Amino acid sequence: MNEIASPLTTVAIPQRSATEQRLREELAACYRLIAHFRMTDLIFTHISVRLPGPEHHFLINPYGLMFDEITASNLVKIGLDGRAVEPSPYPVNPAGFVIHSAIHGARADAQCVLHTHTRSGCAVAALKCGLLPVNQISMEFYGRVAYHDYEGVALDLSEQQRLVHDLGDKPVLILRNHGLLTVGETVSQAFLRMYYLDKACEIQLAAQACGELVLPPADVCEYTERQFNDPGRPLDEGELSDPDGMQLVWPALLRLLERVAPGYRD
């Protein structure tokens, strides 16, 4: 694995499709947003998005750049074997390859995979109780969180099968003693899941530091989870729904980037 995403100098970069360019811009935006909301770990951690096609190619960050330096054009395109499929002066984080290639290869719905080492996420990942339904925000994830026991820095290819097995069909994976991971059918979905997952961890730690927790009954947690994740379900009399909220927030975030961190589309 010494040649992961090694630069290629003899292959010309093909003209990119409109779909690939759009995905590059969305992924670059995601990196900039993770930086803006201070969920980075210097040059470490990683976000990837799968490109359409049978090749299982995906885009990932150029190893060595800070997240606020990442643009659509400097993202590295690699295959499931970790090798670059287009010329790039940048390598790829080996741990990023191990984690992301495993999930992209196993889950067709995991178009985007996002991994962080935030302070709150790492703290909850070290708690035996894991994520609790402490607050309305955390109930989005009620019954939807998987756990993977720590095995060391993710450099061992044999861990891929266990990681995929533990994730199962869940949208969220808490890597014990390590950090957080979300998947999404889109970049925006993976980002918003991570944003609120990390916020849920922050709220839990603040509440635990103050005293005994009050947790809602299981049936209320289940109902709230459905409100978050199935807004199109048949509604009870007098019940309202907000199916457009998640579609409205991503364009708002892109407008934020245009104000505070333009240039990610380059």
Protein backbone atom coordinates (compact mmCIF):
# COMPACT_ATOMS: atom_id res chain seq x y z
CA MET A 1 0.00 0.00 0.00
CA ASN A 2 2.99 2.31 -0.37
CA GLU A 3 1.59 3.58 -3.67
CA ILE A 4 -1.78 4.80 -2.46
CA ALA A 5 -2.85 7.62 -4.76
CA SER A 6 0.69 8.14 -5.99
CA PRO A 7 0.92 10.87 -8.64
CA LEU A 8 0.41 9.75 -12.21
CA THR A 9 2.32 11.68 -14.84
CA THR A 10 1.49 9.80 -18.04
CA VAL A 11 -2.31 9.87 -17.98
CA ALA A 12 -4.09 12.94 -19.33
CA ILE A 13 -6.94 14.33 -17.27
CA PRO A 14 -10.17 13.64 -19.18
CA GLN A 15 -12.79 16.30 -19.62
CA ARG A 16 -15.08 16.14 -16.62
CA SER A 17 -18.80 15.63 -16.93
CA ALA A 18 -21.22 18.15 -15.50
CA THR A 19 -22.16 15.58 -12.84
CA GLU A 20 -18.58 15.10 -11.72
CA GLN A 21 -17.98 18.85 -11.59
CA ARG A 22 -21.10 19.31 -9.50
CA LEU A 23 -20.00 16.58 -7.07
CA ARG A 24 -16.52 18.08 -6.86
CA GLU A 25 -17.99 21.46 -5.95
CA GLU A 26 -20.34 19.93 -3.37
CA LEU A 27 -17.53 17.95 -1.74
CA ALA A 28 -15.21 20.96 -1.70
CA ALA A 29 -18.03 22.95 -0.10
CA CYS A 30 -18.41 20.25 2.53
CA TYR A 31 -14.72 20.44 3.42
CA ARG A 32 -14.95 24.23 3.73
CA LEU A 33 -18.05 23.93 5.94
CA ILE A 34 -16.36 21.40 8.21
CA ALA A 35 -13.52 23.91 8.56
CA HIS A 36 -15.89 26.82 9.13
CA PHE A 37 -17.73 25.01 11.93
CA ARG A 38 -14.42 23.94 13.51
CA MET A 39 -14.88 20.21 13.11
CA THR A 40 -11.41 19.62 11.65
CA ASP A 41 -8.31 17.88 12.97
CA LEU A 42 -5.59 19.79 11.07
CA ILE A 43 -5.00 17.84 7.81
CA PHE A 44 -6.44 14.62 9.21
CA THR A 45 -9.89 13.02 8.87
CA HIS A 46 -11.58 12.79 5.52
CA ILE A 47 -14.72 13.15 3.44
CA SER A 48 -15.36 11.30 0.20
CA VAL A 49 -18.02 11.13 -2.48
CA ARG A 50 -18.53 8.34 -4.99
CA LEU A 51 -18.68 9.20 -8.68
CA PRO A 52 -21.30 7.62 -10.95
CA GLY A 53 -20.25 4.62 -12.99
CA PRO A 54 -19.24 0.98 -12.57
CA GLU A 55 -15.62 1.84 -11.75
CA HIS A 56 -16.32 2.68 -8.07
CA HIS A 57 -14.14 5.77 -8.32
CA PHE A 58 -14.45 8.29 -5.53
CA LEU A 59 -13.11 11.72 -4.64
CA ILE A 60 -11.22 12.40 -1.42
CA ASN A 61 -9.09 15.17 0.05
CA PRO A 62 -5.52 15.80 -1.06
CA TYR A 63 -3.48 14.69 1.96
CA GLY A 64 -1.51 17.59 3.36
CA LEU A 65 -3.96 20.41 2.67
CA MET A 66 -6.02 22.08 5.36
CA PHE A 67 -9.74 21.73 4.76
CA ASP A 68 -10.12 25.42 3.97
CA GLU A 69 -7.58 24.99 1.13
CA ILE A 70 -9.56 22.31 -0.67
CA THR A 71 -11.18 23.16 -3.98
CA ALA A 72 -13.15 21.28 -6.59
CA SER A 73 -10.08 20.90 -8.81
CA ASN A 74 -7.55 19.63 -6.25
CA LEU A 75 -9.67 16.76 -4.93
CA VAL A 76 -8.03 13.40 -5.69
CA LYS A 77 -9.90 10.74 -7.69
CA ILE A 78 -9.03 7.20 -6.62
CA GLY A 79 -10.35 3.70 -7.07
CA LEU A 80 -11.27 1.08 -4.47
CA ASP A 81 -7.64 -0.08 -4.61
CA GLY A 82 -6.48 3.32 -3.37
CA ARG A 83 -4.65 4.26 -6.54
CA ALA A 84 -5.09 7.60 -8.25
CA VAL A 85 -6.86 7.37 -11.57
CA GLU A 86 -5.91 10.90 -12.67
CA PRO A 87 -2.70 12.88 -12.24
CA SER A 88 -2.39 14.54 -8.84
CA PRO A 89 0.57 15.99 -6.95
CA TYR A 90 -1.05 14.89 -3.70
CA PRO A 91 -1.18 11.57 -1.85
CA VAL A 92 -4.20 10.23 0.06
CA ASN A 93 -4.42 9.60 3.79
CA PRO A 94 -4.01 5.79 4.08
CA ALA A 95 -6.52 5.57 6.93
CA GLY A 96 -8.96 7.50 4.80
CA PHE A 97 -8.57 4.95 2.04
CA VAL A 98 -9.11 2.02 4.42
CA ILE A 99 -12.30 3.43 5.92
CA HIS A 100 -13.86 5.07 2.88
CA SER A 101 -13.14 2.43 0.25
CA ALA A 102 -14.67 -0.22 2.52
CA ILE A 103 -17.92 1.67 2.96
CA HIS A 104 -18.21 2.87 -0.65
CA GLY A 105 -17.62 -0.70 -1.82
CA ALA A 106 -20.26 -2.18 0.48
CA ARG A 107 -23.07 0.39 0.58
CA ALA A 108 -24.63 1.65 -2.65
CA ASP A 109 -26.53 4.30 -0.68
CA ALA A 110 -23.33 5.61 0.96
CA GLN A 111 -22.54 8.07 -1.80
CA CYS A 112 -20.83 10.38 0.68
CA VAL A 113 -18.82 9.28 3.73
CA LEU A 114 -17.77 11.85 6.35
CA HIS A 115 -15.41 11.18 9.27
CA THR A 116 -14.42 13.58 12.07
CA HIS A 117 -12.36 13.72 15.26
CA THR A 118 -14.21 16.49 17.07
CA ARG A 119 -13.72 16.96 20.79
CA SER A 120 -17.35 16.18 21.64
CA GLY A 121 -17.55 13.29 19.18
CA CYS A 122 -14.39 11.68 20.52
CA ALA A 123 -15.62 12.13 24.09
CA VAL A 124 -18.96 10.42 23.44
CA ALA A 125 -17.12 7.71 21.51
CA ALA A 126 -15.25 6.99 24.74
CA LEU A 127 -18.43 6.67 26.84
CA LYS A 128 -19.84 3.21 27.49
CA CYS A 129 -23.39 4.57 27.11
CA GLY A 130 -22.65 6.02 23.67
CA LEU A 131 -25.11 8.56 22.28
CA LEU A 132 -28.20 9.08 24.46
CA PRO A 133 -31.58 10.65 23.54
CA VAL A 134 -30.84 13.63 25.76
CA ASN A 135 -32.24 16.31 23.48
CA GLN A 136 -34.50 16.73 20.47
CA ILE A 137 -31.44 16.98 18.22
CA SER A 138 -30.11 13.59 19.30
CA MET A 139 -33.47 11.90 18.65
CA GLU A 140 -32.89 12.16 14.90
CA PHE A 141 -30.42 9.31 15.50
CA TYR A 142 -32.52 7.22 17.88
CA GLY A 143 -32.04 3.57 16.91
CA ARG A 144 -29.92 4.63 13.93
CA VAL A 145 -26.41 4.58 15.42
CA ALA A 146 -23.93 1.73 14.96
CA TYR A 147 -20.72 1.21 16.98
CA HIS A 148 -17.31 -0.13 16.00
CA ASP A 149 -14.74 -1.07 18.64
CA TYR A 150 -11.32 0.51 18.46
CA GLU A 151 -8.58 -1.58 16.80
CA GLY A 152 -5.83 1.01 16.43
CA VAL A 153 -5.14 3.53 13.66
CA ALA A 154 -7.16 2.37 10.64
CA LEU A 155 -4.24 1.10 8.55
CA ASP A 156 -5.08 -2.61 8.57
CA LEU A 157 -7.06 -3.77 5.54
CA SER A 158 -8.47 -6.69 7.54
CA GLU A 159 -10.46 -4.17 9.62
CA GLN A 160 -12.53 -3.22 6.60
CA GLN A 161 -14.84 -6.24 6.85
CA ARG A 162 -15.48 -5.70 10.56
CA LEU A 163 -16.11 -2.00 10.05
CA VAL A 164 -18.64 -2.66 7.28
CA HIS A 165 -20.30 -5.39 9.34
CA ASP A 166 -20.66 -3.11 12.36
CA LEU A 167 -22.03 -0.23 10.28
CA GLY A 168 -24.68 -2.47 8.72
CA ASP A 169 -27.44 -0.35 7.22
CA LYS A 170 -27.16 2.50 9.71
CA PRO A 171 -26.45 6.11 8.62
CA VAL A 172 -24.19 6.82 11.61
CA LEU A 173 -21.18 4.97 13.02
CA ILE A 174 -19.52 5.88 16.29
CA LEU A 175 -15.94 4.63 16.19
CA ARG A 176 -15.24 3.89 19.83
CA ASN A 177 -12.23 5.73 21.27
CA HIS A 178 -11.85 7.37 17.87
CA GLY A 179 -14.55 9.62 16.44
CA LEU A 180 -17.72 9.96 14.37
CA LEU A 181 -18.74 8.86 10.90
CA THR A 182 -21.84 9.59 8.84
CA VAL A 183 -22.94 8.43 5.40
CA GLY A 184 -25.45 9.99 3.05
CA GLU A 185 -27.05 9.57 -0.33
CA THR A 186 -25.82 13.10 -1.01
CA VAL A 187 -23.00 15.29 0.27
CA SER A 188 -25.52 17.59 1.94
CA GLN A 189 -27.18 14.71 3.78
CA ALA A 190 -23.88 13.39 5.13
CA PHE A 191 -22.85 16.90 6.22
CA LEU A 192 -26.11 17.72 7.97
CA ARG A 193 -26.05 14.38 9.76
CA MET A 194 -22.54 15.12 11.01
CA TYR A 195 -23.38 18.69 11.99
CA TYR A 196 -26.29 17.54 14.14
CA LEU A 197 -24.57 14.40 15.40
CA ASP A 198 -21.70 16.49 16.71
CA LYS A 199 -24.13 18.99 18.24
CA ALA A 200 -25.98 16.10 19.91
CA CYS A 201 -22.68 14.98 21.43
CA GLU A 202 -21.97 18.52 22.69
CA ILE A 203 -25.40 18.76 24.33
CA GLN A 204 -25.05 15.34 25.95
CA LEU A 205 -21.68 16.16 27.49
CA ALA A 206 -22.99 19.48 28.82
CA ALA A 207 -26.04 17.79 30.36
CA GLN A 208 -24.00 14.95 31.89
CA ALA A 209 -21.68 17.50 33.51
CA CYS A 210 -24.63 19.17 35.24
CA GLY A 211 -26.29 16.24 36.97
CA GLU A 212 -28.73 13.36 36.52
CA LEU A 213 -30.17 13.07 33.02
CA VAL A 214 -33.87 13.10 32.20
CA LEU A 215 -34.53 10.89 29.15
CA PRO A 216 -37.87 10.83 27.30
CA PRO A 217 -39.82 7.55 27.09
CA ALA A 218 -38.87 5.19 24.26
CA ASP A 219 -42.16 5.71 22.41
CA VAL A 220 -41.58 9.48 22.33
CA CYS A 221 -38.04 8.97 21.06
CA GLU A 222 -39.31 6.64 18.32
CA TYR A 223 -42.00 9.11 17.31
CA THR A 224 -39.52 11.99 17.16
CA GLU A 225 -37.10 9.91 15.06
CA ARG A 226 -39.90 9.31 12.54
CA GLN A 227 -40.67 13.03 12.48
CA PHE A 228 -37.07 13.70 11.49
CA ASN A 229 -36.53 10.85 9.05
CA ASP A 230 -39.97 10.15 7.56
CA PRO A 231 -41.69 13.52 7.15
CA GLY A 232 -43.69 12.20 4.19
CA ARG A 233 -45.49 9.52 6.21
CA PRO A 234 -49.29 9.73 6.70
CA LEU A 235 -49.94 12.32 9.40
CA ASP A 236 -52.27 12.12 12.35
CA GLU A 237 -55.09 14.64 12.62
CA GLY A 238 -53.70 17.98 13.71
CA GLU A 239 -50.08 16.98 12.99
CA LEU A 240 -47.92 19.20 10.82
CA SER A 241 -44.82 18.30 8.81
CA ASP A 242 -41.74 20.14 7.53
CA PRO A 243 -40.48 18.13 4.54
CA ASP A 244 -38.59 21.05 2.98
CA GLY A 245 -36.29 22.01 5.84
CA MET A 246 -33.30 19.89 4.85
CA GLN A 247 -33.63 20.98 1.23
CA LEU A 248 -33.59 24.64 2.23
CA VAL A 249 -30.60 24.53 4.55
CA TRP A 250 -27.96 23.37 2.04
CA PRO A 251 -28.42 26.34 -0.33
CA ALA A 252 -28.27 28.58 2.74
CA LEU A 253 -24.95 27.00 3.70
CA LEU A 254 -23.59 27.54 0.20
CA ARG A 255 -24.56 31.21 0.44
CA LEU A 256 -22.65 31.34 3.72
CA LEU A 257 -19.57 29.97 1.98
CA GLU A 258 -19.81 32.58 -0.75
CA ARG A 259 -19.57 35.21 1.99
CA VAL A 260 -16.89 33.70 4.23
CA ALA A 261 -14.90 31.20 2.13
CA PRO A 262 -15.36 31.76 -1.60
CA GLY A 263 -13.22 29.91 -4.09
CA TYR A 264 -14.18 26.34 -3.27
CA ARG A 265 -15.65 25.90 -6.77
CA ASP A 266 -12.25 26.57 -8.44
